[in-house]
Structure formats: structure tokens, C-alpha cells
Amino acid sequence: MRLIVLASALAGPAGCAPKVAPAPAPVRRIAVLPPCDATGAPLSPRASAGPSDTPSQRLDDVLASEARNQLARHGFQVVDPRVVEIATGGRVPSSPEIAAEIVRSSRLDATALFLRVRRWELPYPTLRTNEIIVSLDAMLVDPATGEVVWEVRRPAKPVRLHGELMGGQAAAVAAEEVMKEVFSPLGRRLQS
């Protein structure tokens, strides 16, 4: 009986844990591309929900910015977002293969970061929340081969916020927490 309880306790949390591929082969620079939704379309500007929110608090902007911050904290070189925007013409990849093609055709000497947001919603209809339910995929794609060299698939589960927040504030905090979680398996890279 104890063995069954122990096995259940160990297997239970694993069902909600993100699925993580091994750390990528040597990746020098990363171009963070605009995230897409589960259908491959650009994300709608859902992050701005309060009267004090500004247009710069769009969900795609918040997620891409926090991905760049976390990658830089882990020691990766991140291509300047203005360079990515100009080089790619603002195209949003709908798949890892399209992400590789965008970076390859743009001649950005970098690995592509493809983000697909499968779910991003409040757990209940309200203006204020203390959590957001998030599911997303993050993939590093080699532009030369189109091969996914690293990926994390985060299942739908709540992201706890620091108190009750509104709209853009909640999205910004949730994006920071999710990106910390997603990129934590990468560890710290040595600067060369």
C-alpha cells in the first residue's frame, strides 16, 4: 500500500511538469521572434485590460521582452529587438519551420526562438486576478536546418501572481514568471 501511495505522489506532480528537451548545442545568439497563438496567428493584444494600461503592454510585446530578459540573464547573446523587427519585416512565425525560414531569409546570424501561446486566460471573469492560466511552447530552431534544437512544452496550469493585479500588470508579472520557469532548464552559460 505504501508503495502505491509513494508512486502516486511521485507521478502526480510529473503530469503537470513542463516537458523539456535537453539543453541546446552551442547556441551563440538568439533572435526572439514575435509569439503566435495556438492556431499560428499573431497574438491579439489581450494584455491591456485596464484604463491605466498603455499600448506598449500588448501580450506579444510583454512575452517577447521577458523572453529576451531571461535569455540574457542565462548568458545568451540576444539580437536587439529593433534589428529583428527590421530584418524580419515584423513577420510572425506560425510554426518552427517558418521561424527558421524567417531568420534564414533575414540573414540574422542567430538561432530562432519560436513561442506558441496555447492558452492565456483568467481563471474567472473579473478585472482583477491573482493568477493567469498559461500553456505555451518555446523552441530554439536552427535556421540552417530547420531542426528544433531545444524545446519546452508548458502544460496549462496557473501562474501565481504577487497579489491581485489588473490587465497589463497581471500579464507582465505572469510573463516574467512563465519565462523564468521555461528558461530555467538552460542553466547559466559562460560568457566567452
N, C-alpha and C. Protein backbone atom coordinates (compact mmCIF):
# COMPACT_ATOMS: atom_id res chain seq x y z
N MET A 1 0.82 -1.19 0.00
CA MET A 1 0.00 0.00 0.00
C MET A 1 0.87 1.25 0.00
N ARG A 2 1.92 1.27 0.82
CA ARG A 2 2.81 2.42 0.89
C ARG A 2 3.47 2.67 -0.46
N LEU A 3 3.81 1.58 -1.16
CA LEU A 3 4.45 1.69 -2.47
C LEU A 3 3.53 2.38 -3.47
N ILE A 4 2.24 2.07 -3.44
CA ILE A 4 1.26 2.69 -4.34
C ILE A 4 1.13 4.17 -4.02
N VAL A 5 1.07 4.52 -2.75
CA VAL A 5 0.96 5.92 -2.35
C VAL A 5 2.21 6.68 -2.78
N LEU A 6 3.38 6.10 -2.57
CA LEU A 6 4.63 6.73 -2.96
C LEU A 6 4.69 6.91 -4.47
N ALA A 7 4.31 5.90 -5.22
CA ALA A 7 4.31 6.00 -6.69
C ALA A 7 3.33 7.07 -7.15
N SER A 8 2.17 7.17 -6.54
CA SER A 8 1.19 8.19 -6.90
C SER A 8 1.71 9.58 -6.58
N ALA A 9 2.36 9.72 -5.45
CA ALA A 9 2.90 11.02 -5.06
C ALA A 9 3.99 11.47 -6.01
N LEU A 10 4.81 10.54 -6.46
CA LEU A 10 5.89 10.89 -7.38
C LEU A 10 5.37 11.15 -8.79
N ALA A 11 4.41 10.39 -9.25
CA ALA A 11 3.89 10.54 -10.62
C ALA A 11 2.94 11.71 -10.74
N GLY A 12 2.22 12.06 -9.70
CA GLY A 12 1.24 13.15 -9.75
C GLY A 12 1.82 14.46 -10.22
N PRO A 13 2.85 15.01 -9.55
CA PRO A 13 3.41 16.28 -9.97
C PRO A 13 4.06 16.21 -11.35
N ALA A 14 4.55 15.06 -11.76
CA ALA A 14 5.20 14.94 -13.06
C ALA A 14 4.22 15.17 -14.20
N GLY A 15 2.96 14.88 -14.00
CA GLY A 15 1.96 15.09 -15.04
C GLY A 15 1.76 16.56 -15.38
N CYS A 16 2.05 17.45 -14.44
CA CYS A 16 1.87 18.89 -14.65
C CYS A 16 3.19 19.59 -14.96
N ALA A 17 4.28 18.88 -14.90
CA ALA A 17 5.59 19.49 -15.13
C ALA A 17 5.79 19.77 -16.61
N PRO A 18 6.51 20.86 -16.94
CA PRO A 18 6.79 21.13 -18.34
C PRO A 18 7.63 20.01 -18.95
N LYS A 19 7.39 19.73 -20.22
CA LYS A 19 8.21 18.76 -20.94
C LYS A 19 9.39 19.52 -21.52
N VAL A 20 10.61 19.08 -21.17
CA VAL A 20 11.81 19.82 -21.52
C VAL A 20 12.75 18.94 -22.32
N ALA A 21 13.23 19.46 -23.44
CA ALA A 21 14.26 18.77 -24.22
C ALA A 21 15.61 19.08 -23.57
N PRO A 22 16.65 18.31 -23.89
CA PRO A 22 17.97 18.60 -23.35
C PRO A 22 18.43 19.99 -23.76
N ALA A 23 19.38 20.53 -23.00
CA ALA A 23 19.92 21.86 -23.30
C ALA A 23 20.47 21.89 -24.73
N PRO A 24 20.36 23.03 -25.41
CA PRO A 24 20.77 23.10 -26.80
C PRO A 24 22.28 22.98 -26.98
N ALA A 25 22.64 22.52 -28.17
CA ALA A 25 24.05 22.52 -28.56
C ALA A 25 24.52 23.97 -28.53
N PRO A 26 25.78 24.22 -28.66
CA PRO A 26 26.27 25.60 -28.56
C PRO A 26 25.45 26.56 -29.42
N VAL A 27 24.76 27.45 -28.74
CA VAL A 27 23.96 28.48 -29.39
C VAL A 27 24.61 29.80 -29.00
N ARG A 28 25.03 30.56 -30.02
CA ARG A 28 25.72 31.82 -29.74
C ARG A 28 24.74 32.97 -29.52
N ARG A 29 23.87 33.17 -30.51
CA ARG A 29 22.94 34.30 -30.47
C ARG A 29 21.52 33.80 -30.71
N ILE A 30 20.58 34.49 -30.10
CA ILE A 30 19.18 34.11 -30.26
C ILE A 30 18.37 35.31 -30.73
N ALA A 31 17.58 35.09 -31.78
CA ALA A 31 16.63 36.10 -32.27
C ALA A 31 15.26 35.71 -31.75
N VAL A 32 14.70 36.55 -30.88
CA VAL A 32 13.37 36.29 -30.32
C VAL A 32 12.34 36.83 -31.31
N LEU A 33 11.58 35.92 -31.90
CA LEU A 33 10.55 36.30 -32.86
C LEU A 33 9.22 36.56 -32.15
N PRO A 34 8.32 37.32 -32.76
CA PRO A 34 7.02 37.58 -32.11
C PRO A 34 6.26 36.27 -31.88
N PRO A 35 5.65 36.11 -30.71
CA PRO A 35 4.90 34.89 -30.41
C PRO A 35 3.62 34.79 -31.25
N CYS A 36 3.17 33.55 -31.44
CA CYS A 36 1.89 33.31 -32.12
C CYS A 36 0.95 32.60 -31.16
N ASP A 37 -0.32 32.50 -31.56
CA ASP A 37 -1.27 31.77 -30.73
C ASP A 37 -1.33 30.31 -31.16
N ALA A 38 -2.22 29.54 -30.56
CA ALA A 38 -2.30 28.10 -30.82
C ALA A 38 -2.63 27.77 -32.27
N THR A 39 -3.26 28.71 -32.99
CA THR A 39 -3.60 28.46 -34.39
C THR A 39 -2.50 28.92 -35.34
N GLY A 40 -1.46 29.55 -34.80
CA GLY A 40 -0.37 30.06 -35.64
C GLY A 40 -0.55 31.52 -36.02
N ALA A 41 -1.62 32.15 -35.57
CA ALA A 41 -1.88 33.56 -35.87
C ALA A 41 -1.15 34.46 -34.87
N PRO A 42 -0.89 35.72 -35.25
CA PRO A 42 -0.30 36.65 -34.28
C PRO A 42 -1.21 36.76 -33.05
N LEU A 43 -0.59 37.01 -31.89
CA LEU A 43 -1.38 37.15 -30.67
C LEU A 43 -2.21 38.42 -30.73
N SER A 44 -3.42 38.34 -30.20
CA SER A 44 -4.23 39.55 -30.10
C SER A 44 -3.72 40.35 -28.91
N PRO A 45 -3.93 41.66 -28.92
CA PRO A 45 -3.43 42.49 -27.81
C PRO A 45 -4.29 42.36 -26.57
N ARG A 46 -4.25 41.17 -25.94
CA ARG A 46 -5.12 40.88 -24.81
C ARG A 46 -4.60 41.40 -23.48
N ALA A 47 -3.34 41.78 -23.40
CA ALA A 47 -2.77 42.14 -22.11
C ALA A 47 -3.33 43.45 -21.57
N SER A 48 -3.72 44.37 -22.43
CA SER A 48 -4.23 45.66 -21.97
C SER A 48 -5.70 45.54 -21.63
N ALA A 49 -6.01 45.59 -20.35
CA ALA A 49 -7.39 45.44 -19.94
C ALA A 49 -7.86 46.56 -19.02
N GLY A 50 -6.94 47.34 -18.51
CA GLY A 50 -7.32 48.38 -17.56
C GLY A 50 -7.17 49.76 -18.16
N PRO A 51 -7.82 50.77 -17.56
CA PRO A 51 -7.76 52.12 -18.08
C PRO A 51 -6.36 52.73 -18.02
N SER A 52 -5.51 52.24 -17.12
CA SER A 52 -4.16 52.81 -17.00
C SER A 52 -3.15 52.10 -17.88
N ASP A 53 -3.58 51.05 -18.61
CA ASP A 53 -2.66 50.31 -19.48
C ASP A 53 -2.33 51.14 -20.71
N THR A 54 -1.11 50.93 -21.22
CA THR A 54 -0.67 51.65 -22.40
C THR A 54 -0.58 50.68 -23.57
N PRO A 55 -0.56 51.21 -24.81
CA PRO A 55 -0.47 50.32 -25.97
C PRO A 55 0.78 49.45 -25.98
N SER A 56 1.84 49.87 -25.27
CA SER A 56 3.07 49.08 -25.26
C SER A 56 2.94 47.80 -24.44
N GLN A 57 1.82 47.62 -23.74
CA GLN A 57 1.65 46.44 -22.91
C GLN A 57 0.89 45.33 -23.62
N ARG A 58 1.11 45.20 -24.92
CA ARG A 58 0.49 44.10 -25.66
C ARG A 58 1.10 42.79 -25.21
N LEU A 59 0.31 41.73 -25.22
CA LEU A 59 0.78 40.44 -24.73
C LEU A 59 1.99 39.95 -25.51
N ASP A 60 1.99 40.09 -26.85
CA ASP A 60 3.14 39.62 -27.62
C ASP A 60 4.40 40.39 -27.26
N ASP A 61 4.28 41.71 -27.05
CA ASP A 61 5.43 42.52 -26.66
C ASP A 61 5.96 42.12 -25.28
N VAL A 62 5.04 41.92 -24.35
CA VAL A 62 5.41 41.56 -22.98
C VAL A 62 6.14 40.22 -22.95
N LEU A 63 5.60 39.22 -23.65
CA LEU A 63 6.23 37.90 -23.68
C LEU A 63 7.60 37.93 -24.36
N ALA A 64 7.69 38.57 -25.51
CA ALA A 64 8.98 38.64 -26.22
C ALA A 64 10.02 39.38 -25.39
N SER A 65 9.63 40.46 -24.77
CA SER A 65 10.55 41.23 -23.93
C SER A 65 11.06 40.40 -22.76
N GLU A 66 10.16 39.70 -22.11
CA GLU A 66 10.58 38.89 -20.96
C GLU A 66 11.42 37.70 -21.40
N ALA A 67 11.14 37.13 -22.57
CA ALA A 67 11.99 36.05 -23.10
C ALA A 67 13.41 36.57 -23.32
N ARG A 68 13.52 37.76 -23.92
CA ARG A 68 14.86 38.36 -24.13
C ARG A 68 15.57 38.58 -22.80
N ASN A 69 14.85 39.12 -21.81
CA ASN A 69 15.45 39.37 -20.49
C ASN A 69 15.96 38.08 -19.86
N GLN A 70 15.14 37.03 -19.88
CA GLN A 70 15.54 35.78 -19.25
C GLN A 70 16.71 35.12 -19.99
N LEU A 71 16.68 35.15 -21.31
CA LEU A 71 17.80 34.57 -22.09
C LEU A 71 19.09 35.31 -21.78
N ALA A 72 19.03 36.63 -21.71
CA ALA A 72 20.22 37.42 -21.39
C ALA A 72 20.71 37.08 -19.97
N ARG A 73 19.80 36.90 -19.03
CA ARG A 73 20.18 36.53 -17.66
C ARG A 73 20.86 35.17 -17.61
N HIS A 74 20.52 34.31 -18.56
CA HIS A 74 21.14 32.98 -18.62
C HIS A 74 22.44 33.00 -19.42
N GLY A 75 22.87 34.18 -19.86
CA GLY A 75 24.17 34.32 -20.52
C GLY A 75 24.15 34.21 -22.03
N PHE A 76 22.97 34.22 -22.65
CA PHE A 76 22.90 34.15 -24.11
C PHE A 76 22.97 35.55 -24.70
N GLN A 77 23.56 35.65 -25.89
CA GLN A 77 23.51 36.89 -26.66
C GLN A 77 22.15 36.96 -27.31
N VAL A 78 21.46 38.07 -27.15
CA VAL A 78 20.12 38.22 -27.72
C VAL A 78 20.17 39.35 -28.76
N VAL A 79 19.66 39.06 -29.95
CA VAL A 79 19.64 40.06 -31.01
C VAL A 79 18.68 41.18 -30.60
N ASP A 80 19.12 42.42 -30.80
CA ASP A 80 18.32 43.60 -30.48
C ASP A 80 16.95 43.49 -31.15
N PRO A 81 15.86 43.75 -30.41
CA PRO A 81 14.52 43.60 -31.00
C PRO A 81 14.27 44.51 -32.20
N ARG A 82 14.91 45.68 -32.23
CA ARG A 82 14.75 46.57 -33.40
C ARG A 82 15.38 45.95 -34.63
N VAL A 83 16.52 45.30 -34.46
CA VAL A 83 17.18 44.63 -35.58
C VAL A 83 16.31 43.49 -36.09
N VAL A 84 15.74 42.71 -35.16
CA VAL A 84 14.85 41.60 -35.55
C VAL A 84 13.64 42.15 -36.30
N GLU A 85 13.04 43.20 -35.79
CA GLU A 85 11.85 43.80 -36.41
C GLU A 85 12.14 44.27 -37.83
N ILE A 86 13.25 44.97 -38.02
CA ILE A 86 13.61 45.47 -39.35
C ILE A 86 13.97 44.32 -40.29
N ALA A 87 14.78 43.39 -39.80
CA ALA A 87 15.24 42.29 -40.65
C ALA A 87 14.10 41.36 -41.07
N THR A 88 13.16 41.14 -40.17
CA THR A 88 12.09 40.18 -40.47
C THR A 88 10.84 40.85 -41.04
N GLY A 89 10.82 42.17 -41.05
CA GLY A 89 9.64 42.88 -41.52
C GLY A 89 8.43 42.65 -40.62
N GLY A 90 8.68 42.29 -39.37
CA GLY A 90 7.59 42.08 -38.42
C GLY A 90 6.79 40.81 -38.65
N ARG A 91 7.29 39.91 -39.52
CA ARG A 91 6.57 38.66 -39.77
C ARG A 91 6.48 37.83 -38.49
N VAL A 92 5.34 37.21 -38.29
CA VAL A 92 5.12 36.35 -37.12
C VAL A 92 5.12 34.90 -37.59
N PRO A 93 6.03 34.08 -37.06
CA PRO A 93 6.06 32.68 -37.49
C PRO A 93 4.87 31.91 -36.94
N SER A 94 4.34 30.99 -37.75
CA SER A 94 3.22 30.16 -37.31
C SER A 94 3.67 28.75 -36.95
N SER A 95 4.95 28.45 -37.17
CA SER A 95 5.49 27.13 -36.85
C SER A 95 7.00 27.26 -36.69
N PRO A 96 7.65 26.23 -36.13
CA PRO A 96 9.12 26.27 -36.01
C PRO A 96 9.79 26.35 -37.39
N GLU A 97 9.20 25.69 -38.38
CA GLU A 97 9.78 25.72 -39.73
C GLU A 97 9.74 27.12 -40.33
N ILE A 98 8.64 27.82 -40.11
CA ILE A 98 8.52 29.21 -40.60
C ILE A 98 9.48 30.11 -39.83
N ALA A 99 9.65 29.86 -38.53
CA ALA A 99 10.61 30.65 -37.74
C ALA A 99 12.01 30.50 -38.32
N ALA A 100 12.40 29.27 -38.65
CA ALA A 100 13.72 29.03 -39.25
C ALA A 100 13.83 29.77 -40.58
N GLU A 101 12.80 29.71 -41.40
CA GLU A 101 12.81 30.38 -42.71
C GLU A 101 12.92 31.90 -42.55
N ILE A 102 12.19 32.46 -41.61
CA ILE A 102 12.24 33.92 -41.38
C ILE A 102 13.65 34.35 -41.01
N VAL A 103 14.27 33.65 -40.07
CA VAL A 103 15.62 34.02 -39.63
C VAL A 103 16.64 33.76 -40.74
N ARG A 104 16.50 32.65 -41.46
CA ARG A 104 17.42 32.33 -42.56
C ARG A 104 17.31 33.38 -43.66
N SER A 105 16.09 33.71 -44.10
CA SER A 105 15.93 34.68 -45.19
C SER A 105 16.29 36.09 -44.77
N SER A 106 16.23 36.37 -43.47
CA SER A 106 16.61 37.69 -42.96
C SER A 106 18.11 37.83 -42.77
N ARG A 107 18.81 36.70 -42.89
CA ARG A 107 20.26 36.65 -42.71
C ARG A 107 20.71 37.15 -41.33
N LEU A 108 19.88 36.83 -40.34
CA LEU A 108 20.28 37.11 -38.96
C LEU A 108 21.16 35.95 -38.51
N ASP A 109 22.34 36.22 -38.11
CA ASP A 109 23.25 35.17 -37.66
C ASP A 109 22.86 34.78 -36.24
N ALA A 110 21.75 34.03 -36.13
CA ALA A 110 21.22 33.68 -34.81
C ALA A 110 20.31 32.47 -34.91
N THR A 111 20.09 31.84 -33.76
CA THR A 111 19.11 30.77 -33.64
C THR A 111 17.77 31.43 -33.36
N ALA A 112 16.70 30.90 -33.94
CA ALA A 112 15.37 31.49 -33.76
C ALA A 112 14.72 30.97 -32.49
N LEU A 113 14.08 31.87 -31.73
CA LEU A 113 13.23 31.46 -30.63
C LEU A 113 11.79 31.57 -31.11
N PHE A 114 11.10 30.44 -31.15
CA PHE A 114 9.70 30.37 -31.56
C PHE A 114 8.86 30.16 -30.31
N LEU A 115 7.88 31.04 -30.09
CA LEU A 115 6.97 30.93 -28.95
C LEU A 115 5.54 30.76 -29.46
N ARG A 116 4.87 29.71 -28.98
CA ARG A 116 3.46 29.48 -29.32
C ARG A 116 2.67 29.48 -28.02
N VAL A 117 1.73 30.43 -27.89
CA VAL A 117 0.90 30.52 -26.70
C VAL A 117 -0.37 29.72 -26.96
N ARG A 118 -0.50 28.62 -26.27
CA ARG A 118 -1.67 27.75 -26.45
C ARG A 118 -2.85 28.24 -25.62
N ARG A 119 -2.57 28.79 -24.46
CA ARG A 119 -3.65 29.28 -23.59
C ARG A 119 -3.11 30.39 -22.72
N TRP A 120 -3.87 31.48 -22.59
CA TRP A 120 -3.52 32.61 -21.73
C TRP A 120 -4.84 33.24 -21.33
N GLU A 121 -5.32 32.91 -20.15
CA GLU A 121 -6.63 33.42 -19.75
C GLU A 121 -6.76 33.52 -18.25
N LEU A 122 -7.67 34.37 -17.85
CA LEU A 122 -8.01 34.50 -16.43
C LEU A 122 -8.83 33.27 -16.03
N PRO A 123 -8.69 32.80 -14.80
CA PRO A 123 -9.43 31.61 -14.37
C PRO A 123 -10.92 31.88 -14.17
N TYR A 124 -11.29 33.16 -14.05
CA TYR A 124 -12.68 33.54 -13.87
C TYR A 124 -12.85 34.96 -14.40
N PRO A 125 -14.05 35.32 -14.86
CA PRO A 125 -14.26 36.65 -15.45
C PRO A 125 -14.23 37.74 -14.37
N THR A 126 -13.24 38.60 -14.45
CA THR A 126 -13.07 39.67 -13.48
C THR A 126 -12.06 40.68 -14.02
N LEU A 127 -12.00 41.84 -13.42
CA LEU A 127 -10.99 42.83 -13.80
C LEU A 127 -9.67 42.60 -13.07
N ARG A 128 -9.74 42.00 -11.89
CA ARG A 128 -8.55 41.76 -11.08
C ARG A 128 -8.37 40.25 -10.92
N THR A 129 -7.12 39.83 -10.85
CA THR A 129 -6.86 38.40 -10.67
C THR A 129 -5.57 38.19 -9.90
N ASN A 130 -5.44 37.03 -9.29
CA ASN A 130 -4.19 36.67 -8.61
C ASN A 130 -3.49 35.52 -9.32
N GLU A 131 -4.04 35.12 -10.49
CA GLU A 131 -3.39 34.08 -11.30
C GLU A 131 -3.89 34.16 -12.74
N ILE A 132 -3.08 33.64 -13.64
CA ILE A 132 -3.44 33.51 -15.05
C ILE A 132 -3.10 32.09 -15.46
N ILE A 133 -4.00 31.46 -16.19
CA ILE A 133 -3.76 30.09 -16.66
C ILE A 133 -3.00 30.19 -17.97
N VAL A 134 -1.83 29.55 -18.03
CA VAL A 134 -0.95 29.66 -19.19
C VAL A 134 -0.48 28.29 -19.65
N SER A 135 -0.50 28.12 -20.96
CA SER A 135 0.12 26.97 -21.62
C SER A 135 0.85 27.51 -22.83
N LEU A 136 2.11 27.13 -22.98
CA LEU A 136 2.86 27.60 -24.15
C LEU A 136 3.99 26.65 -24.49
N ASP A 137 4.49 26.81 -25.72
CA ASP A 137 5.65 26.07 -26.20
C ASP A 137 6.74 27.09 -26.51
N ALA A 138 7.97 26.76 -26.15
CA ALA A 138 9.13 27.57 -26.50
C ALA A 138 10.12 26.64 -27.20
N MET A 139 10.60 27.08 -28.37
CA MET A 139 11.53 26.24 -29.15
C MET A 139 12.66 27.08 -29.71
N LEU A 140 13.87 26.55 -29.60
CA LEU A 140 15.02 27.14 -30.29
C LEU A 140 15.20 26.34 -31.57
N VAL A 141 15.23 27.07 -32.70
CA VAL A 141 15.25 26.43 -34.01
C VAL A 141 16.50 26.85 -34.77
N ASP A 142 17.24 25.88 -35.27
CA ASP A 142 18.42 26.14 -36.10
C ASP A 142 17.93 26.61 -37.47
N PRO A 143 18.26 27.86 -37.86
CA PRO A 143 17.75 28.35 -39.13
C PRO A 143 18.34 27.65 -40.36
N ALA A 144 19.52 27.09 -40.22
CA ALA A 144 20.16 26.42 -41.36
C ALA A 144 19.47 25.10 -41.69
N THR A 145 19.07 24.36 -40.65
CA THR A 145 18.48 23.04 -40.87
C THR A 145 16.98 22.98 -40.62
N GLY A 146 16.45 23.98 -39.90
CA GLY A 146 15.04 23.95 -39.52
C GLY A 146 14.77 23.02 -38.35
N GLU A 147 15.82 22.45 -37.79
CA GLU A 147 15.71 21.50 -36.69
C GLU A 147 15.48 22.22 -35.36
N VAL A 148 14.55 21.69 -34.55
CA VAL A 148 14.34 22.20 -33.20
C VAL A 148 15.47 21.64 -32.35
N VAL A 149 16.31 22.53 -31.80
CA VAL A 149 17.47 22.09 -31.02
C VAL A 149 17.19 22.07 -29.52
N TRP A 150 16.09 22.70 -29.10
CA TRP A 150 15.71 22.72 -27.69
C TRP A 150 14.25 23.13 -27.62
N GLU A 151 13.49 22.54 -26.69
CA GLU A 151 12.10 22.94 -26.54
C GLU A 151 11.57 22.66 -25.15
N VAL A 152 10.57 23.45 -24.77
CA VAL A 152 9.83 23.26 -23.54
C VAL A 152 8.36 23.38 -23.90
N ARG A 153 7.57 22.43 -23.44
CA ARG A 153 6.12 22.49 -23.62
C ARG A 153 5.51 22.61 -22.23
N ARG A 154 5.02 23.80 -21.92
CA ARG A 154 4.42 24.05 -20.61
C ARG A 154 2.94 23.74 -20.68
N PRO A 155 2.47 22.76 -19.87
CA PRO A 155 1.04 22.42 -19.87
C PRO A 155 0.22 23.54 -19.22
N ALA A 156 -1.07 23.55 -19.48
CA ALA A 156 -1.96 24.56 -18.90
C ALA A 156 -2.00 24.40 -17.39
N LYS A 157 -1.59 25.45 -16.71
CA LYS A 157 -1.67 25.50 -15.25
C LYS A 157 -1.56 26.96 -14.83
N PRO A 158 -2.01 27.26 -13.63
CA PRO A 158 -2.00 28.66 -13.18
C PRO A 158 -0.59 29.19 -12.93
N VAL A 159 -0.42 30.45 -13.24
CA VAL A 159 0.77 31.20 -12.86
C VAL A 159 0.33 32.11 -11.73
N ARG A 160 0.87 31.91 -10.56
CA ARG A 160 0.51 32.71 -9.40
C ARG A 160 1.14 34.09 -9.52
N LEU A 161 0.35 35.10 -9.26
CA LEU A 161 0.82 36.48 -9.31
C LEU A 161 1.14 36.93 -7.89
N HIS A 162 1.71 38.10 -7.76
CA HIS A 162 2.08 38.64 -6.45
C HIS A 162 0.96 39.56 -5.99
N GLY A 163 -0.15 38.97 -5.53
CA GLY A 163 -1.32 39.75 -5.14
C GLY A 163 -2.31 39.84 -6.28
N GLU A 164 -3.37 40.61 -6.08
CA GLU A 164 -4.37 40.79 -7.13
C GLU A 164 -3.96 41.95 -8.02
N LEU A 165 -3.91 41.68 -9.33
CA LEU A 165 -3.47 42.69 -10.30
C LEU A 165 -4.51 42.83 -11.39
N MET A 166 -4.38 43.91 -12.16
CA MET A 166 -5.30 44.17 -13.27
C MET A 166 -4.58 44.01 -14.59
N GLY A 167 -5.31 43.58 -15.62
CA GLY A 167 -4.92 43.56 -17.02
C GLY A 167 -3.45 43.46 -17.34
N GLY A 168 -2.88 44.57 -17.83
CA GLY A 168 -1.49 44.60 -18.27
C GLY A 168 -0.50 44.27 -17.16
N GLN A 169 -0.80 44.71 -15.93
CA GLN A 169 0.07 44.38 -14.80
C GLN A 169 0.11 42.86 -14.59
N ALA A 170 -1.05 42.24 -14.62
CA ALA A 170 -1.13 40.79 -14.43
C ALA A 170 -0.39 40.07 -15.54
N ALA A 171 -0.55 40.53 -16.78
CA ALA A 171 0.13 39.90 -17.91
C ALA A 171 1.64 40.04 -17.79
N ALA A 172 2.12 41.21 -17.37
CA ALA A 172 3.56 41.44 -17.23
C ALA A 172 4.16 40.53 -16.17
N VAL A 173 3.50 40.42 -15.03
CA VAL A 173 4.01 39.56 -13.96
C VAL A 173 3.95 38.09 -14.38
N ALA A 174 2.84 37.69 -15.00
CA ALA A 174 2.71 36.30 -15.46
C ALA A 174 3.77 35.97 -16.50
N ALA A 175 4.03 36.91 -17.44
CA ALA A 175 5.06 36.68 -18.47
C ALA A 175 6.42 36.48 -17.83
N GLU A 176 6.75 37.31 -16.84
CA GLU A 176 8.04 37.17 -16.16
C GLU A 176 8.15 35.81 -15.48
N GLU A 177 7.12 35.41 -14.76
CA GLU A 177 7.15 34.13 -14.04
C GLU A 177 7.22 32.95 -15.01
N VAL A 178 6.45 32.99 -16.09
CA VAL A 178 6.45 31.89 -17.06
C VAL A 178 7.80 31.78 -17.75
N MET A 179 8.38 32.90 -18.16
CA MET A 179 9.67 32.85 -18.86
C MET A 179 10.78 32.39 -17.92
N LYS A 180 10.72 32.76 -16.65
CA LYS A 180 11.70 32.23 -15.68
C LYS A 180 11.60 30.71 -15.64
N GLU A 181 10.37 30.21 -15.54
CA GLU A 181 10.14 28.77 -15.48
C GLU A 181 10.61 28.07 -16.75
N VAL A 182 10.24 28.62 -17.90
CA VAL A 182 10.55 28.00 -19.19
C VAL A 182 12.06 27.92 -19.42
N PHE A 183 12.78 28.99 -19.12
CA PHE A 183 14.21 29.03 -19.42
C PHE A 183 15.09 28.54 -18.28
N SER A 184 14.54 28.20 -17.13
CA SER A 184 15.36 27.72 -16.01
C SER A 184 16.16 26.46 -16.34
N PRO A 185 15.66 25.53 -17.20
CA PRO A 185 16.47 24.34 -17.51
C PRO A 185 17.75 24.66 -18.28
N LEU A 186 17.84 25.85 -18.86
CA LEU A 186 19.05 26.19 -19.63
C LEU A 186 20.26 26.41 -18.75
N GLY A 187 20.05 26.73 -17.47
CA GLY A 187 21.18 26.99 -16.58
C GLY A 187 21.88 28.28 -16.98
N ARG A 188 23.03 28.50 -16.44
CA ARG A 188 23.81 29.71 -16.70
C ARG A 188 24.89 29.38 -17.70
N ARG A 189 24.99 30.14 -18.79
CA ARG A 189 26.02 29.96 -19.80
C ARG A 189 27.24 30.78 -19.42
N LEU A 190 28.40 30.26 -19.76
CA LEU A 190 29.63 31.01 -19.54
C LEU A 190 29.79 32.03 -20.67
N GLN A 191 30.10 33.25 -20.31
CA GLN A 191 30.34 34.28 -21.32
C GLN A 191 31.72 34.04 -21.93
N SER A 192 31.79 34.11 -23.27
CA SER A 192 33.09 33.89 -23.91
C SER A 192 33.66 35.18 -24.41
